[in-house]
Amino acid sequence: MTDELRNEYDFTAARANPYSKRLKKQVTIRLDVDTIAYFKALAGQTGVPYQSLINLYLADCAANERELALTWA
């Protein structure tokens, strides 16, 4: 880094990002092939990446406190 850039971009007084807790976190999750195919097809229709669609769907479920109805045969 040149001295000119170092003087122009001085981050010594920088502070931590106050929104860092709201950033996305990478996780590993196993999904059914059919589920992935559904969201990939939806991504093709909407132009929104399928991972973003899955995140939006799950975020909507969490925001609306949806409860999963499970029935076992």
PDB file of N, CA and C in Angstrom:
ATOM      1  N   MET A   1       0.856  -1.173   0.000  1.00  0.00           N
ATOM      2  CA  MET A   1       0.000   0.000   0.000  1.00  0.00           C
ATOM      3  C   MET A   1       0.900   1.234   0.000  1.00  0.00           C
ATOM      4  N   THR A   2       0.589   2.178  -0.833  1.00  0.00           N
ATOM      5  CA  THR A   2       1.400   3.388  -0.902  1.00  0.00           C
ATOM      6  C   THR A   2       1.041   4.309   0.251  1.00  0.00           C
ATOM      7  N   ASP A   3       1.965   5.210   0.578  1.00  0.00           N
ATOM      8  CA  ASP A   3       1.717   6.158   1.662  1.00  0.00           C
ATOM      9  C   ASP A   3       0.529   7.053   1.350  1.00  0.00           C
ATOM     10  N   GLU A   4       0.366   7.384   0.067  1.00  0.00           N
ATOM     11  CA  GLU A   4      -0.741   8.247  -0.328  1.00  0.00           C
ATOM     12  C   GLU A   4      -2.084   7.580   0.004  1.00  0.00           C
ATOM     13  N   LEU A   5      -2.236   6.314  -0.340  1.00  0.00           N
ATOM     14  CA  LEU A   5      -3.470   5.608  -0.018  1.00  0.00           C
ATOM     15  C   LEU A   5      -3.631   5.424   1.477  1.00  0.00           C
ATOM     16  N   ARG A   6      -2.554   5.140   2.166  1.00  0.00           N
ATOM     17  CA  ARG A   6      -2.605   4.945   3.609  1.00  0.00           C
ATOM     18  C   ARG A   6      -3.118   6.210   4.300  1.00  0.00           C
ATOM     19  N   ASN A   7      -2.715   7.361   3.858  1.00  0.00           N
ATOM     20  CA  ASN A   7      -3.161   8.621   4.448  1.00  0.00           C
ATOM     21  C   ASN A   7      -4.618   8.915   4.096  1.00  0.00           C
ATOM     22  N   GLU A   8      -5.009   8.516   2.888  1.00  0.00           N
ATOM     23  CA  GLU A   8      -6.365   8.789   2.442  1.00  0.00           C
ATOM     24  C   GLU A   8      -7.383   7.875   3.134  1.00  0.00           C
ATOM     25  N   TYR A   9      -7.015   6.633   3.378  1.00  0.00           N
ATOM     26  CA  TYR A   9      -7.918   5.662   3.989  1.00  0.00           C
ATOM     27  C   TYR A   9      -7.367   5.222   5.334  1.00  0.00           C
ATOM     28  N   ASP A  10      -7.543   6.047   6.324  1.00  0.00           N
ATOM     29  CA  ASP A  10      -7.042   5.761   7.662  1.00  0.00           C
ATOM     30  C   ASP A  10      -8.181   5.173   8.493  1.00  0.00           C
ATOM     31  N   PHE A  11      -8.059   3.902   8.845  1.00  0.00           N
ATOM     32  CA  PHE A  11      -9.105   3.228   9.602  1.00  0.00           C
ATOM     33  C   PHE A  11      -8.750   3.055  11.077  1.00  0.00           C
ATOM     34  N   THR A  12      -7.800   3.804  11.563  1.00  0.00           N
ATOM     35  CA  THR A  12      -7.386   3.640  12.959  1.00  0.00           C
ATOM     36  C   THR A  12      -8.500   4.024  13.932  1.00  0.00           C
ATOM     37  N   ALA A  13      -9.397   4.919  13.532  1.00  0.00           N
ATOM     38  CA  ALA A  13     -10.493   5.340  14.413  1.00  0.00           C
ATOM     39  C   ALA A  13     -11.791   4.603  14.079  1.00  0.00           C
ATOM     40  N   ALA A  14     -11.706   3.534  13.274  1.00  0.00           N
ATOM     41  CA  ALA A  14     -12.905   2.792  12.872  1.00  0.00           C
ATOM     42  C   ALA A  14     -13.510   2.061  14.066  1.00  0.00           C
ATOM     43  N   ARG A  15     -14.807   1.832  14.005  1.00  0.00           N
ATOM     44  CA  ARG A  15     -15.474   1.085  15.065  1.00  0.00           C
ATOM     45  C   ARG A  15     -16.165  -0.129  14.448  1.00  0.00           C
ATOM     46  N   ALA A  16     -16.506  -1.073  15.277  1.00  0.00           N
ATOM     47  CA  ALA A  16     -17.144  -2.299  14.808  1.00  0.00           C
ATOM     48  C   ALA A  16     -18.510  -1.999  14.200  1.00  0.00           C
ATOM     49  N   ASN A  17     -18.897  -2.797  13.240  1.00  0.00           N
ATOM     50  CA  ASN A  17     -20.189  -2.651  12.580  1.00  0.00           C
ATOM     51  C   ASN A  17     -21.313  -2.942  13.579  1.00  0.00           C
ATOM     52  N   PRO A  18     -22.180  -1.969  13.872  1.00  0.00           N
ATOM     53  CA  PRO A  18     -23.248  -2.199  14.855  1.00  0.00           C
ATOM     54  C   PRO A  18     -24.316  -3.160  14.341  1.00  0.00           C
ATOM     55  N   TYR A  19     -24.331  -3.431  13.048  1.00  0.00           N
ATOM     56  CA  TYR A  19     -25.321  -4.317  12.460  1.00  0.00           C
ATOM     57  C   TYR A  19     -24.768  -5.712  12.199  1.00  0.00           C
ATOM     58  N   SER A  20     -23.572  -5.993  12.676  1.00  0.00           N
ATOM     59  CA  SER A  20     -22.931  -7.267  12.369  1.00  0.00           C
ATOM     60  C   SER A  20     -23.722  -8.465  12.885  1.00  0.00           C
ATOM     61  N   LYS A  21     -24.488  -8.296  13.950  1.00  0.00           N
ATOM     62  CA  LYS A  21     -25.297  -9.402  14.464  1.00  0.00           C
ATOM     63  C   LYS A  21     -26.435  -9.753  13.521  1.00  0.00           C
ATOM     64  N   ARG A  22     -26.806  -8.833  12.655  1.00  0.00           N
ATOM     65  CA  ARG A  22     -27.902  -9.062  11.723  1.00  0.00           C
ATOM     66  C   ARG A  22     -27.423  -9.614  10.387  1.00  0.00           C
ATOM     67  N   LEU A  23     -26.116  -9.749  10.208  1.00  0.00           N
ATOM     68  CA  LEU A  23     -25.588 -10.274   8.962  1.00  0.00           C
ATOM     69  C   LEU A  23     -25.916 -11.749   8.835  1.00  0.00           C
ATOM     70  N   LYS A  24     -25.848 -12.254   7.625  1.00  0.00           N
ATOM     71  CA  LYS A  24     -26.138 -13.660   7.394  1.00  0.00           C
ATOM     72  C   LYS A  24     -24.995 -14.539   7.880  1.00  0.00           C
ATOM     73  N   LYS A  25     -25.355 -15.740   8.265  1.00  0.00           N
ATOM     74  CA  LYS A  25     -24.378 -16.712   8.728  1.00  0.00           C
ATOM     75  C   LYS A  25     -24.481 -17.947   7.849  1.00  0.00           C
ATOM     76  N   GLN A  26     -23.357 -18.448   7.411  1.00  0.00           N
ATOM     77  CA  GLN A  26     -23.335 -19.636   6.577  1.00  0.00           C
ATOM     78  C   GLN A  26     -23.551 -20.873   7.436  1.00  0.00           C
ATOM     79  N   VAL A  27     -24.478 -21.734   7.001  1.00  0.00           N
ATOM     80  CA  VAL A  27     -24.743 -22.993   7.683  1.00  0.00           C
ATOM     81  C   VAL A  27     -24.836 -24.108   6.643  1.00  0.00           C
ATOM     82  N   THR A  28     -24.698 -25.315   7.106  1.00  0.00           N
ATOM     83  CA  THR A  28     -24.885 -26.471   6.236  1.00  0.00           C
ATOM     84  C   THR A  28     -26.225 -27.091   6.585  1.00  0.00           C
ATOM     85  N   ILE A  29     -27.047 -27.321   5.569  1.00  0.00           N
ATOM     86  CA  ILE A  29     -28.370 -27.895   5.792  1.00  0.00           C
ATOM     87  C   ILE A  29     -28.630 -28.914   4.685  1.00  0.00           C
ATOM     88  N   ARG A  30     -29.230 -30.006   5.043  1.00  0.00           N
ATOM     89  CA  ARG A  30     -29.566 -31.046   4.071  1.00  0.00           C
ATOM     90  C   ARG A  30     -31.029 -30.867   3.664  1.00  0.00           C
ATOM     91  N   LEU A  31     -31.237 -30.697   2.364  1.00  0.00           N
ATOM     92  CA  LEU A  31     -32.584 -30.513   1.834  1.00  0.00           C
ATOM     93  C   LEU A  31     -32.873 -31.606   0.821  1.00  0.00           C
ATOM     94  N   ASP A  32     -34.134 -31.979   0.705  1.00  0.00           N
ATOM     95  CA  ASP A  32     -34.543 -32.961  -0.284  1.00  0.00           C
ATOM     96  C   ASP A  32     -34.277 -32.427  -1.692  1.00  0.00           C
ATOM     97  N   VAL A  33     -33.975 -33.339  -2.594  1.00  0.00           N
ATOM     98  CA  VAL A  33     -33.719 -32.974  -3.986  1.00  0.00           C
ATOM     99  C   VAL A  33     -34.926 -32.260  -4.586  1.00  0.00           C
ATOM    100  N   ASP A  34     -36.138 -32.743  -4.272  1.00  0.00           N
ATOM    101  CA  ASP A  34     -37.357 -32.123  -4.800  1.00  0.00           C
ATOM    102  C   ASP A  34     -37.540 -30.699  -4.280  1.00  0.00           C
ATOM    103  N   THR A  35     -37.163 -30.462  -3.041  1.00  0.00           N
ATOM    104  CA  THR A  35     -37.270 -29.125  -2.454  1.00  0.00           C
ATOM    105  C   THR A  35     -36.328 -28.161  -3.160  1.00  0.00           C
ATOM    106  N   ILE A  36     -35.112 -28.600  -3.394  1.00  0.00           N
ATOM    107  CA  ILE A  36     -34.135 -27.762  -4.096  1.00  0.00           C
ATOM    108  C   ILE A  36     -34.613 -27.493  -5.522  1.00  0.00           C
ATOM    109  N   ALA A  37     -35.133 -28.521  -6.182  1.00  0.00           N
ATOM    110  CA  ALA A  37     -35.627 -28.358  -7.553  1.00  0.00           C
ATOM    111  C   ALA A  37     -36.770 -27.339  -7.600  1.00  0.00           C
ATOM    112  N   TYR A  38     -37.653 -27.382  -6.600  1.00  0.00           N
ATOM    113  CA  TYR A  38     -38.771 -26.435  -6.536  1.00  0.00           C
ATOM    114  C   TYR A  38     -38.261 -24.994  -6.461  1.00  0.00           C
ATOM    115  N   PHE A  39     -37.325 -24.759  -5.539  1.00  0.00           N
ATOM    116  CA  PHE A  39     -36.821 -23.395  -5.366  1.00  0.00           C
ATOM    117  C   PHE A  39     -35.960 -22.959  -6.553  1.00  0.00           C
ATOM    118  N   LYS A  40     -35.258 -23.879  -7.192  1.00  0.00           N
ATOM    119  CA  LYS A  40     -34.480 -23.525  -8.383  1.00  0.00           C
ATOM    120  C   LYS A  40     -35.409 -23.156  -9.539  1.00  0.00           C
ATOM    121  N   ALA A  41     -36.511 -23.881  -9.677  1.00  0.00           N
ATOM    122  CA  ALA A  41     -37.488 -23.543 -10.716  1.00  0.00           C
ATOM    123  C   ALA A  41     -38.113 -22.181 -10.442  1.00  0.00           C
ATOM    124  N   LEU A  42     -38.428 -21.933  -9.170  1.00  0.00           N
ATOM    125  CA  LEU A  42     -38.984 -20.633  -8.779  1.00  0.00           C
ATOM    126  C   LEU A  42     -37.968 -19.524  -9.034  1.00  0.00           C
ATOM    127  N   ALA A  43     -36.706 -19.833  -8.813  1.00  0.00           N
ATOM    128  CA  ALA A  43     -35.641 -18.861  -9.072  1.00  0.00           C
ATOM    129  C   ALA A  43     -35.579 -18.527 -10.559  1.00  0.00           C
ATOM    130  N   GLY A  44     -35.759 -19.541 -11.400  1.00  0.00           N
ATOM    131  CA  GLY A  44     -35.767 -19.304 -12.844  1.00  0.00           C
ATOM    132  C   GLY A  44     -36.908 -18.409 -13.284  1.00  0.00           C
ATOM    133  N   GLN A  45     -38.037 -18.522 -12.604  1.00  0.00           N
ATOM    134  CA  GLN A  45     -39.217 -17.700 -12.933  1.00  0.00           C
ATOM    135  C   GLN A  45     -39.080 -16.274 -12.417  1.00  0.00           C
ATOM    136  N   THR A  46     -38.483 -16.127 -11.250  1.00  0.00           N
ATOM    137  CA  THR A  46     -38.445 -14.810 -10.604  1.00  0.00           C
ATOM    138  C   THR A  46     -37.156 -14.044 -10.830  1.00  0.00           C
ATOM    139  N   GLY A  47     -36.069 -14.776 -11.156  1.00  0.00           N
ATOM    140  CA  GLY A  47     -34.772 -14.117 -11.301  1.00  0.00           C
ATOM    141  C   GLY A  47     -34.068 -13.884  -9.970  1.00  0.00           C
ATOM    142  N   VAL A  48     -34.632 -14.423  -8.894  1.00  0.00           N
ATOM    143  CA  VAL A  48     -34.030 -14.307  -7.565  1.00  0.00           C
ATOM    144  C   VAL A  48     -33.289 -15.615  -7.294  1.00  0.00           C
ATOM    145  N   PRO A  49     -32.049 -15.573  -6.826  1.00  0.00           N
ATOM    146  CA  PRO A  49     -31.306 -16.803  -6.556  1.00  0.00           C
ATOM    147  C   PRO A  49     -32.071 -17.727  -5.594  1.00  0.00           C
ATOM    148  N   TYR A  50     -31.986 -19.033  -5.859  1.00  0.00           N
ATOM    149  CA  TYR A  50     -32.785 -19.978  -5.076  1.00  0.00           C
ATOM    150  C   TYR A  50     -32.444 -19.961  -3.591  1.00  0.00           C
ATOM    151  N   GLN A  51     -31.177 -19.720  -3.251  1.00  0.00           N
ATOM    152  CA  GLN A  51     -30.815 -19.652  -1.836  1.00  0.00           C
ATOM    153  C   GLN A  51     -31.464 -18.446  -1.165  1.00  0.00           C
ATOM    154  N   SER A  52     -31.569 -17.354  -1.898  1.00  0.00           N
ATOM    155  CA  SER A  52     -32.246 -16.165  -1.364  1.00  0.00           C
ATOM    156  C   SER A  52     -33.736 -16.439  -1.182  1.00  0.00           C
ATOM    157  N   LEU A  53     -34.334 -17.182  -2.118  1.00  0.00           N
ATOM    158  CA  LEU A  53     -35.752 -17.521  -1.989  1.00  0.00           C
ATOM    159  C   LEU A  53     -36.001 -18.390  -0.761  1.00  0.00           C
ATOM    160  N   ILE A  54     -35.132 -19.357  -0.534  1.00  0.00           N
ATOM    161  CA  ILE A  54     -35.271 -20.208   0.654  1.00  0.00           C
ATOM    162  C   ILE A  54     -35.147 -19.353   1.915  1.00  0.00           C
ATOM    163  N   ASN A  55     -34.176 -18.441   1.929  1.00  0.00           N
ATOM    164  CA  ASN A  55     -33.997 -17.558   3.080  1.00  0.00           C
ATOM    165  C   ASN A  55     -35.222 -16.666   3.284  1.00  0.00           C
ATOM    166  N   LEU A  56     -35.750 -16.109   2.203  1.00  0.00           N
ATOM    167  CA  LEU A  56     -36.939 -15.260   2.313  1.00  0.00           C
ATOM    168  C   LEU A  56     -38.131 -16.037   2.861  1.00  0.00           C
ATOM    169  N   TYR A  57     -38.299 -17.270   2.404  1.00  0.00           N
ATOM    170  CA  TYR A  57     -39.409 -18.097   2.868  1.00  0.00           C
ATOM    171  C   TYR A  57     -39.265 -18.404   4.355  1.00  0.00           C
ATOM    172  N   LEU A  58     -38.079 -18.818   4.757  1.00  0.00           N
ATOM    173  CA  LEU A  58     -37.859 -19.136   6.168  1.00  0.00           C
ATOM    174  C   LEU A  58     -37.976 -17.894   7.050  1.00  0.00           C
ATOM    175  N   ALA A  59     -37.484 -16.752   6.554  1.00  0.00           N
ATOM    176  CA  ALA A  59     -37.601 -15.502   7.309  1.00  0.00           C
ATOM    177  C   ALA A  59     -39.063 -15.111   7.487  1.00  0.00           C
ATOM    178  N   ASP A  60     -39.876 -15.331   6.441  1.00  0.00           N
ATOM    179  CA  ASP A  60     -41.301 -15.032   6.526  1.00  0.00           C
ATOM    180  C   ASP A  60     -41.980 -15.946   7.553  1.00  0.00           C
ATOM    181  N   CYS A  61     -41.611 -17.220   7.547  1.00  0.00           N
ATOM    182  CA  CYS A  61     -42.164 -18.155   8.535  1.00  0.00           C
ATOM    183  C   CYS A  61     -41.806 -17.710   9.946  1.00  0.00           C
ATOM    184  N   ALA A  62     -40.568 -17.316  10.156  1.00  0.00           N
ATOM    185  CA  ALA A  62     -40.124 -16.889  11.489  1.00  0.00           C
ATOM    186  C   ALA A  62     -40.816 -15.592  11.902  1.00  0.00           C
ATOM    187  N   ALA A  63     -40.918 -14.643  10.980  1.00  0.00           N
ATOM    188  CA  ALA A  63     -41.523 -13.351  11.294  1.00  0.00           C
ATOM    189  C   ALA A  63     -43.000 -13.494  11.653  1.00  0.00           C
ATOM    190  N   ASN A  64     -43.675 -14.433  11.005  1.00  0.00           N
ATOM    191  CA  ASN A  64     -45.102 -14.643  11.262  1.00  0.00           C
ATOM    192  C   ASN A  64     -45.355 -15.765  12.263  1.00  0.00           C
ATOM    193  N   GLU A  65     -44.283 -16.269  12.855  1.00  0.00           N
ATOM    194  CA  GLU A  65     -44.350 -17.318  13.872  1.00  0.00           C
ATOM    195  C   GLU A  65     -45.229 -18.480  13.433  1.00  0.00           C
ATOM    196  N   ARG A  66     -45.030 -18.916  12.192  1.00  0.00           N
ATOM    197  CA  ARG A  66     -45.788 -20.047  11.678  1.00  0.00           C
ATOM    198  C   ARG A  66     -45.370 -21.321  12.398  1.00  0.00           C
ATOM    199  N   GLU A  67     -46.333 -22.144  12.702  1.00  0.00           N
ATOM    200  CA  GLU A  67     -46.057 -23.424  13.345  1.00  0.00           C
ATOM    201  C   GLU A  67     -46.251 -24.536  12.341  1.00  0.00           C
ATOM    202  N   LEU A  68     -45.362 -25.493  12.336  1.00  0.00           N
ATOM    203  CA  LEU A  68     -45.430 -26.616  11.425  1.00  0.00           C
ATOM    204  C   LEU A  68     -46.419 -27.641  11.964  1.00  0.00           C
ATOM    205  N   ALA A  69     -47.338 -28.068  11.109  1.00  0.00           N
ATOM    206  CA  ALA A  69     -48.312 -29.089  11.484  1.00  0.00           C
ATOM    207  C   ALA A  69     -47.772 -30.437  11.029  1.00  0.00           C
ATOM    208  N   LEU A  70     -47.325 -31.239  11.975  1.00  0.00           N
ATOM    209  CA  LEU A  70     -46.790 -32.551  11.652  1.00  0.00           C
ATOM    210  C   LEU A  70     -47.808 -33.636  11.964  1.00  0.00           C
ATOM    211  N   THR A  71     -47.974 -34.545  11.034  1.00  0.00           N
ATOM    212  CA  THR A  71     -48.801 -35.718  11.280  1.00  0.00           C
ATOM    213  C   THR A  71     -48.013 -36.935  10.839  1.00  0.00           C
ATOM    214  N   TRP A  72     -47.937 -37.913  11.678  1.00  0.00           N
ATOM    215  CA  TRP A  72     -47.173 -39.123  11.391  1.00  0.00           C
ATOM    216  C   TRP A  72     -48.138 -40.255  11.071  1.00  0.00           C
ATOM    217  N   ALA A  73     -47.889 -40.933   9.995  1.00  0.00           N
ATOM    218  CA  ALA A  73     -48.773 -42.036   9.573  1.00  0.00           C
ATOM    219  C   ALA A  73     -48.415 -43.316  10.305  1.00  0.00           C
TER     220      ALA A  73
END
